[in-house]
Amino acid sequence: MLANRRNAPIRALLAMAVMVALVSALSSCSNLHKPSDASSTDPEKSSFRAAVFYYDYDDVYISSVRNALTADLASRQITYQEYDADHNQMTQNTQVDKAISNGADALVVNIVNSGSAEKTDVICQKANRAGIPVIFFNRPIEEEGYEGVILDYYDDIAFVGTDSAEAGHLQGQMIGQYLVDHYDETDLNGDGRISYALFKGEAANVEAIYRTKYSVEDADAILAERGYPPLAYFDASSVDKFQLDLTGSWTKESAQNYLLTDLSRYNEDNGNMIELVIANSDAMAEGAIAALQTYGYNLGTDDCTTIPVFGVDATDAGRQLIASGIMTGTIAQDAQAMADCICQMVKNAQDGRDLLQGMDSYPRDTEYGRKRMVLLPYSIYSPDDAVTNKE
């Protein structure tokens, strides 16, 4: 499929160019940032410009990466231009065309349609024809079963992300251990099983898929070792056993709205209260907590019941909720480390070096041998962690 597209007739490429011109007005706003002291930069390097594409400025974790990366690029005196795709792949493709035509020297891409080698290859082809390196980050660029089809083909691209399954495994470990230590107090109706709700986030995102899978499977494994039954999804009729953010994102509002509706039927008065909440992001955990607080739970006071809520990302808001005793736990995803790694790659591009030169200390993909993939580790968050994920 990829090979066929690379050999497309010239007229197809021209047609694409016409389409780009027609929809260019739809491109979201972008901001050009130049070094504050241009006179202090090498004249040869001062013309270098990076184009940074975000899938959605409003995503809580992505905003933390953006803040950190903005500071890093500024500290290195690198001129960059930002683009917000507003969760639209067509918009992002148009933005890529615009950046290339404006003379961008490197593309930094947080792709909208994650886990799609086909969508990723569209961007890679554009950059390859222009001789521009591409640094993808955070959102997977290949679907399961196609590992390496993009990264092994191109020489001038790289990916900075995480092990897709690791967050789910760690969250499952955290949840399982918590329940072993607090089983009776969590089992509000005393039926011997823990009823849970789970908020998945983005449907096709590999991270969301694995977090959904392993957070429950690994918690069940720990419970089984101690003689406890597996977790019970609150709605026995559900086939999926999760609730999906229909906006295709990881929003606070989706979890809040779902749980408000859920609690109208599944509550202590009816003897079927949701006793545990698993969220695939801290933003969704926040939404779930807002819904619980509407019903008088998780107020952070000694006289109210706290339903354990677990998230992922260790955002500032999530850490504050944990410190207040309102949220139970989260998995840390280090936004600063991701920004630092991306910025080093951009600096390599500016200096005309391979994107991964001098980065041997960063962990690489070992499962599939993708040498151009840097996988930053997750960790179980504790209040003593130094991880800073600014919103």
Protein backbone atom coordinates (compact mmCIF):
# COMPACT_ATOMS: atom_id res chain seq x y z
CA MET A 1 0.00 0.00 0.00
CA LEU A 2 2.81 2.44 0.93
CA ALA A 3 4.85 1.52 -2.12
CA ASN A 4 1.92 2.12 -4.43
CA ARG A 5 1.38 5.57 -3.02
CA ARG A 6 5.07 6.48 -3.42
CA ASN A 7 4.82 5.65 -7.12
CA ALA A 8 1.67 7.72 -7.71
CA PRO A 9 1.53 9.59 -11.03
CA ILE A 10 2.59 13.22 -11.14
CA ARG A 11 -0.95 14.29 -11.97
CA ALA A 12 -2.13 12.87 -8.63
CA LEU A 13 0.43 14.99 -6.82
CA LEU A 14 -0.69 18.06 -8.74
CA ALA A 15 -4.30 17.34 -7.82
CA MET A 16 -3.27 17.15 -4.20
CA ALA A 17 -1.54 20.51 -4.49
CA VAL A 18 -4.72 22.07 -5.87
CA MET A 19 -6.75 20.65 -3.00
CA VAL A 20 -4.27 22.03 -0.51
CA ALA A 21 -4.58 25.48 -2.03
CA LEU A 22 -8.36 25.34 -1.83
CA VAL A 23 -8.46 24.38 1.84
CA SER A 24 -5.52 26.45 3.05
CA ALA A 25 -7.93 28.99 4.48
CA LEU A 26 -9.09 26.32 6.90
CA SER A 27 -5.67 26.06 8.50
CA SER A 28 -5.69 26.87 12.20
CA CYS A 29 -3.69 29.80 13.51
CA SER A 30 0.04 29.51 13.93
CA ASN A 31 2.57 31.59 15.82
CA LEU A 32 6.13 32.38 14.77
CA HIS A 33 8.65 32.66 17.59
CA LYS A 34 12.08 34.10 16.92
CA PRO A 35 15.06 34.12 19.29
CA SER A 36 14.86 37.10 21.61
CA ASP A 37 18.47 38.06 20.84
CA ALA A 38 19.03 37.26 17.18
CA SER A 39 22.41 39.00 17.22
CA SER A 40 23.73 36.39 19.64
CA THR A 41 23.06 33.46 17.30
CA ASP A 42 25.31 32.10 14.58
CA PRO A 43 24.25 33.90 11.33
CA GLU A 44 24.28 30.59 9.47
CA LYS A 45 21.97 29.00 12.07
CA SER A 46 19.71 31.99 12.64
CA SER A 47 17.78 31.23 9.45
CA PHE A 48 16.91 27.73 10.70
CA ARG A 49 13.22 27.35 11.46
CA ALA A 50 11.38 24.48 13.10
CA ALA A 51 7.65 23.93 12.58
CA VAL A 52 5.86 22.35 15.55
CA PHE A 53 2.45 20.75 15.01
CA TYR A 54 0.15 19.88 17.93
CA TYR A 55 -2.90 17.72 17.50
CA ASP A 56 -4.87 19.82 20.00
CA TYR A 57 -3.70 22.73 22.17
CA ASP A 58 -6.49 21.94 24.64
CA ASP A 59 -5.25 18.45 25.50
CA VAL A 60 -4.01 18.71 29.09
CA TYR A 61 -0.90 16.57 28.73
CA ILE A 62 -0.01 18.01 25.32
CA SER A 63 -0.26 21.51 26.73
CA SER A 64 2.30 20.49 29.35
CA VAL A 65 4.66 19.25 26.64
CA ARG A 66 4.05 22.41 24.65
CA ASN A 67 4.95 24.65 27.58
CA ALA A 68 8.15 22.72 28.25
CA LEU A 69 9.15 22.54 24.58
CA THR A 70 8.49 26.25 24.08
CA ALA A 71 10.87 27.04 26.92
CA ASP A 72 13.51 24.62 25.63
CA LEU A 73 13.46 25.97 22.07
CA ALA A 74 13.64 29.54 23.34
CA SER A 75 16.58 28.71 25.61
CA ARG A 76 18.46 27.27 22.62
CA GLN A 77 17.67 30.34 20.50
CA ILE A 78 15.81 28.25 17.90
CA THR A 79 13.19 29.97 15.77
CA TYR A 80 10.00 27.93 15.62
CA GLN A 81 6.42 28.22 14.43
CA GLU A 82 3.52 26.47 16.19
CA TYR A 83 0.37 25.04 14.63
CA ASP A 84 -2.81 23.80 16.33
CA ALA A 85 -4.66 21.17 14.28
CA ASP A 86 -7.65 21.32 16.63
CA HIS A 87 -8.03 17.55 16.37
CA ASN A 88 -8.35 17.53 12.57
CA GLN A 89 -5.91 15.54 10.40
CA MET A 90 -6.85 17.39 7.20
CA THR A 91 -6.07 20.66 8.93
CA GLN A 92 -2.72 19.34 10.09
CA ASN A 93 -1.83 18.10 6.59
CA THR A 94 -2.60 21.56 5.23
CA GLN A 95 -0.46 23.11 7.95
CA VAL A 96 2.44 20.82 7.01
CA ASP A 97 2.15 21.96 3.39
CA LYS A 98 2.15 25.57 4.51
CA ALA A 99 5.20 25.12 6.73
CA ILE A 100 7.16 23.39 3.97
CA SER A 101 6.27 26.09 1.45
CA ASN A 102 7.34 28.73 3.98
CA GLY A 103 10.79 27.16 4.24
CA ALA A 104 10.65 25.09 7.43
CA ASP A 105 13.89 23.19 8.08
CA ALA A 106 12.49 20.57 10.48
CA LEU A 107 9.00 19.31 11.32
CA VAL A 108 7.99 18.32 14.85
CA VAL A 109 4.68 16.49 14.62
CA ASN A 110 2.14 15.41 17.23
CA ILE A 111 -0.01 13.59 14.67
CA VAL A 112 -3.79 13.78 14.88
CA ASN A 113 -4.72 10.30 13.61
CA SER A 114 -2.57 8.25 15.92
CA GLY A 115 -1.69 4.64 15.19
CA SER A 116 -1.97 4.98 11.40
CA ALA A 117 1.05 4.21 9.23
CA GLU A 118 -0.91 5.45 6.22
CA LYS A 119 -1.61 8.90 7.72
CA THR A 120 1.95 9.13 8.96
CA ASP A 121 3.36 8.28 5.55
CA VAL A 122 1.47 11.18 3.94
CA ILE A 123 3.47 13.59 6.10
CA CYS A 124 6.70 11.66 5.61
CA GLN A 125 6.37 11.81 1.83
CA LYS A 126 5.86 15.58 1.87
CA ALA A 127 8.90 16.09 4.08
CA ASN A 128 11.03 13.59 2.19
CA ARG A 129 10.42 15.33 -1.13
CA ALA A 130 11.48 18.62 0.48
CA GLY A 131 14.52 17.09 2.20
CA ILE A 132 13.22 17.97 5.68
CA PRO A 133 13.65 15.74 8.78
CA VAL A 134 10.57 14.88 10.84
CA ILE A 135 10.35 14.29 14.58
CA PHE A 136 7.08 12.64 15.60
CA PHE A 137 6.15 12.62 19.28
CA ASN A 138 3.68 11.35 21.86
CA ARG A 139 0.99 9.87 19.63
CA PRO A 140 1.81 6.49 18.01
CA ILE A 141 2.52 6.69 14.28
CA GLU A 142 2.06 3.00 13.41
CA GLU A 143 -0.75 0.62 14.25
CA GLU A 144 -0.24 -2.73 15.94
CA GLY A 145 1.13 -5.21 13.40
CA TYR A 146 2.83 -2.49 11.34
CA GLU A 147 5.64 -1.72 13.76
CA GLY A 148 8.60 -0.26 11.88
CA VAL A 149 6.91 0.12 8.49
CA ILE A 150 7.49 3.88 8.71
CA LEU A 151 10.46 4.19 11.04
CA ASP A 152 12.47 1.53 9.22
CA TYR A 153 11.77 3.02 5.79
CA TYR A 154 12.85 6.63 6.20
CA ASP A 155 16.32 7.68 7.37
CA ASP A 156 15.49 11.21 8.43
CA ILE A 157 12.60 10.70 10.86
CA ALA A 158 12.43 9.76 14.54
CA PHE A 159 9.78 9.18 17.17
CA VAL A 160 9.74 10.27 20.81
CA GLY A 161 7.11 8.54 22.88
CA THR A 162 6.45 5.90 25.48
CA ASP A 163 5.97 2.15 25.72
CA SER A 164 2.26 1.96 24.91
CA ALA A 165 1.59 -0.87 27.35
CA GLU A 166 3.68 0.36 30.28
CA ALA A 167 1.19 2.88 31.67
CA GLY A 168 -1.56 0.26 31.70
CA HIS A 169 0.64 -2.27 33.49
CA LEU A 170 1.71 0.28 36.09
CA GLN A 171 -1.83 1.50 36.62
CA GLY A 172 -3.03 -2.08 37.08
CA GLN A 173 -0.26 -2.68 39.59
CA MET A 174 -1.17 0.48 41.48
CA ILE A 175 -4.89 -0.31 41.54
CA GLY A 176 -4.40 -3.95 42.52
CA GLN A 177 -2.13 -3.07 45.43
CA TYR A 178 -4.45 -0.35 46.64
CA LEU A 179 -7.42 -2.71 46.66
CA VAL A 180 -5.50 -5.42 48.50
CA ASP A 181 -4.75 -2.85 51.19
CA HIS A 182 -8.24 -1.26 51.27
CA TYR A 183 -10.62 -3.94 50.03
CA ASP A 184 -13.29 -3.86 52.74
CA GLU A 185 -13.56 -0.07 52.86
CA THR A 186 -13.78 0.08 49.05
CA ASP A 187 -16.51 -2.58 48.91
CA LEU A 188 -19.31 -0.21 49.90
CA ASN A 189 -22.22 -2.65 49.52
CA GLY A 190 -20.35 -5.55 51.10
CA ASP A 191 -21.01 -7.98 48.24
CA GLY A 192 -17.39 -9.14 48.12
CA ARG A 193 -16.64 -7.59 44.69
CA ILE A 194 -15.45 -4.17 43.57
CA SER A 195 -17.66 -2.46 40.99
CA TYR A 196 -15.70 -0.18 38.65
CA ALA A 197 -16.21 2.35 35.86
CA LEU A 198 -13.57 2.92 33.18
CA PHE A 199 -13.12 5.91 30.86
CA LYS A 200 -11.10 5.01 27.81
CA GLY A 201 -10.49 8.22 25.87
CA GLU A 202 -9.61 7.95 22.19
CA ALA A 203 -10.91 4.80 20.47
CA ALA A 204 -8.01 3.83 18.18
CA ASN A 205 -5.16 5.24 20.24
CA VAL A 206 -2.77 2.41 21.17
CA GLU A 207 -2.05 3.99 24.55
CA ALA A 208 -5.77 4.09 25.37
CA ILE A 209 -6.24 0.50 24.22
CA TYR A 210 -3.45 -0.85 26.41
CA ARG A 211 -4.36 1.26 29.42
CA THR A 212 -7.91 -0.05 29.19
CA LYS A 213 -6.71 -3.63 28.87
CA TYR A 214 -3.91 -3.87 31.39
CA SER A 215 -5.26 -1.60 34.12
CA VAL A 216 -7.98 -4.19 34.72
CA GLU A 217 -6.10 -7.39 33.81
CA ASP A 218 -3.10 -6.62 36.01
CA ALA A 219 -5.25 -5.48 38.92
CA ASP A 220 -7.26 -8.70 38.62
CA ALA A 221 -4.05 -10.74 38.68
CA ILE A 222 -2.96 -9.12 41.94
CA LEU A 223 -6.41 -9.60 43.46
CA ALA A 224 -6.42 -13.27 42.43
CA GLU A 225 -3.08 -13.85 44.15
CA ARG A 226 -4.68 -12.70 47.41
CA GLY A 227 -7.85 -14.71 46.94
CA TYR A 228 -10.14 -11.87 45.83
CA PRO A 229 -12.56 -12.05 42.86
CA PRO A 230 -11.87 -10.00 39.72
CA LEU A 231 -13.17 -6.47 39.29
CA ALA A 232 -16.80 -6.23 38.16
CA TYR A 233 -17.78 -3.63 35.57
CA PHE A 234 -20.66 -1.61 37.02
CA ASP A 235 -22.95 -2.27 34.02
CA ALA A 236 -23.17 -6.04 33.63
CA SER A 237 -24.84 -5.68 30.22
CA SER A 238 -21.91 -3.76 28.73
CA VAL A 239 -19.88 -5.60 26.10
CA ASP A 240 -16.98 -3.13 25.92
CA LYS A 241 -16.66 -2.53 29.66
CA PHE A 242 -15.54 1.06 29.17
CA GLN A 243 -17.05 4.41 28.21
CA LEU A 244 -15.53 6.18 25.24
CA ASP A 245 -14.96 9.88 24.74
CA LEU A 246 -17.05 10.40 21.61
CA THR A 247 -15.17 13.60 20.77
CA GLY A 248 -12.16 11.41 19.97
CA SER A 249 -10.16 12.98 22.77
CA TRP A 250 -9.53 12.54 26.52
CA THR A 251 -11.73 15.26 27.94
CA LYS A 252 -12.80 16.06 31.46
CA GLU A 253 -16.31 16.81 30.22
CA SER A 254 -16.85 13.37 28.71
CA ALA A 255 -16.06 11.52 31.93
CA GLN A 256 -18.06 13.97 34.01
CA ASN A 257 -21.16 13.64 31.84
CA TYR A 258 -20.94 9.87 31.69
CA LEU A 259 -20.51 9.44 35.43
CA LEU A 260 -23.28 11.87 36.31
CA THR A 261 -25.62 9.69 34.27
CA ASP A 262 -24.17 6.46 35.67
CA LEU A 263 -24.59 7.57 39.28
CA SER A 264 -28.27 8.31 38.74
CA ARG A 265 -28.77 4.53 38.46
CA TYR A 266 -25.74 3.02 40.18
CA ASN A 267 -25.54 4.40 43.70
CA GLU A 268 -25.51 3.48 47.36
CA ASP A 269 -29.28 3.85 47.74
CA ASN A 270 -29.76 1.19 45.06
CA GLY A 271 -27.05 -1.02 46.56
CA ASN A 272 -24.99 -1.01 43.35
CA MET A 273 -22.69 1.99 43.81
CA ILE A 274 -19.68 2.41 41.51
CA GLU A 275 -16.82 1.75 43.94
CA LEU A 276 -13.77 2.44 41.78
CA VAL A 277 -13.01 4.74 38.82
CA ILE A 278 -10.24 4.06 36.30
CA ALA A 279 -9.46 6.89 33.87
CA ASN A 280 -6.97 6.77 31.00
CA SER A 281 -5.93 10.37 31.66
CA ASP A 282 -5.90 12.77 34.59
CA ALA A 283 -8.24 15.07 32.67
CA MET A 284 -10.90 12.33 32.62
CA ALA A 285 -10.13 11.55 36.26
CA GLU A 286 -10.89 15.21 37.04
CA GLY A 287 -14.20 14.92 35.25
CA ALA A 288 -15.12 11.78 37.18
CA ILE A 289 -14.26 13.50 40.45
CA ALA A 290 -16.43 16.48 39.54
CA ALA A 291 -19.35 14.09 39.01
CA LEU A 292 -18.69 12.28 42.29
CA GLN A 293 -18.56 15.59 44.14
CA THR A 294 -21.98 16.47 42.74
CA TYR A 295 -23.24 13.40 44.62
CA GLY A 296 -21.34 14.27 47.81
CA TYR A 297 -18.29 12.05 47.37
CA ASN A 298 -14.56 12.89 47.18
CA LEU A 299 -14.81 16.25 48.91
CA GLY A 300 -11.51 15.84 50.71
CA THR A 301 -13.11 15.97 54.16
CA ASP A 302 -13.07 13.37 56.91
CA ASP A 303 -16.84 13.05 57.02
CA CYS A 304 -17.42 12.02 53.38
CA THR A 305 -16.77 8.84 51.43
CA THR A 306 -13.95 8.89 48.89
CA ILE A 307 -14.32 6.67 45.84
CA PRO A 308 -10.84 5.68 44.65
CA VAL A 309 -10.06 7.39 41.32
CA PHE A 310 -6.94 6.57 39.29
CA GLY A 311 -5.60 8.46 36.29
CA VAL A 312 -2.56 8.78 34.02
CA ASP A 313 -0.22 11.74 33.32
CA ALA A 314 0.51 13.23 36.76
CA THR A 315 -0.64 16.67 35.65
CA ASP A 316 -0.48 19.56 38.09
CA ALA A 317 -4.23 19.29 38.66
CA GLY A 318 -4.00 15.55 39.24
CA ARG A 319 -1.18 15.92 41.74
CA GLN A 320 -3.05 18.62 43.62
CA LEU A 321 -6.12 16.39 43.86
CA ILE A 322 -3.98 13.57 45.20
CA ALA A 323 -2.36 15.89 47.75
CA SER A 324 -5.86 16.94 48.86
CA GLY A 325 -6.97 13.34 49.37
CA ILE A 326 -9.57 13.68 46.59
CA MET A 327 -7.88 11.51 43.95
CA THR A 328 -6.11 8.25 44.77
CA GLY A 329 -3.28 7.80 42.25
CA THR A 330 -1.84 8.45 38.82
CA ILE A 331 0.96 7.38 36.50
CA ALA A 332 3.65 9.96 35.75
CA GLN A 333 4.40 10.78 32.13
CA ASP A 334 7.33 13.19 32.13
CA ALA A 335 6.45 16.11 29.84
CA GLN A 336 9.74 17.88 30.50
CA ALA A 337 11.78 14.81 29.54
CA MET A 338 9.80 14.49 26.31
CA ALA A 339 10.35 18.16 25.49
CA ASP A 340 14.08 17.91 26.25
CA CYS A 341 14.46 14.91 23.96
CA ILE A 342 12.56 16.58 21.12
CA CYS A 343 14.59 19.75 21.50
CA GLN A 344 17.87 17.84 21.31
CA MET A 345 16.71 16.28 18.06
CA VAL A 346 15.76 19.70 16.68
CA LYS A 347 19.23 20.97 17.63
CA ASN A 348 20.76 18.02 15.76
CA ALA A 349 18.70 18.97 12.71
CA GLN A 350 19.84 22.56 13.00
CA ASP A 351 23.48 21.41 13.12
CA GLY A 352 23.01 19.11 10.12
CA ARG A 353 23.48 15.96 12.13
CA ASP A 354 21.47 12.76 12.37
CA LEU A 355 18.45 13.32 14.59
CA LEU A 356 19.61 10.71 17.10
CA GLN A 357 23.28 11.66 17.25
CA GLY A 358 24.58 11.91 20.81
CA MET A 359 21.39 10.43 22.28
CA ASP A 360 22.60 6.96 23.20
CA SER A 361 21.58 7.48 26.82
CA TYR A 362 17.92 7.59 25.87
CA PRO A 363 16.04 4.25 26.01
CA ARG A 364 15.11 2.73 22.65
CA ASP A 365 12.50 0.29 21.44
CA THR A 366 13.75 -3.25 22.04
CA GLU A 367 10.59 -5.25 21.31
CA TYR A 368 10.61 -4.52 17.58
CA GLY A 369 14.13 -3.17 17.13
CA ARG A 370 13.05 0.25 15.93
CA LYS A 371 16.30 2.12 16.53
CA ARG A 372 14.82 5.49 15.62
CA MET A 373 12.21 5.25 18.36
CA VAL A 374 12.95 6.73 21.79
CA LEU A 375 10.67 5.41 24.52
CA LEU A 376 10.62 7.47 27.71
CA PRO A 377 9.59 5.55 30.84
CA TYR A 378 6.41 5.96 32.86
CA SER A 379 6.44 5.65 36.65
CA ILE A 380 3.92 5.31 39.46
CA TYR A 381 3.51 8.82 40.80
CA SER A 382 4.25 9.62 44.42
CA PRO A 383 4.06 13.08 46.01
CA ASP A 384 7.85 13.06 46.29
CA ASP A 385 8.31 12.75 42.50
CA ALA A 386 10.17 15.59 40.82
CA VAL A 387 8.20 15.21 37.58
CA THR A 388 6.63 18.48 36.51
CA ASN A 389 3.82 18.40 33.97
CA LYS A 390 2.66 21.98 33.69
CA GLU A 391 -0.79 22.50 32.21
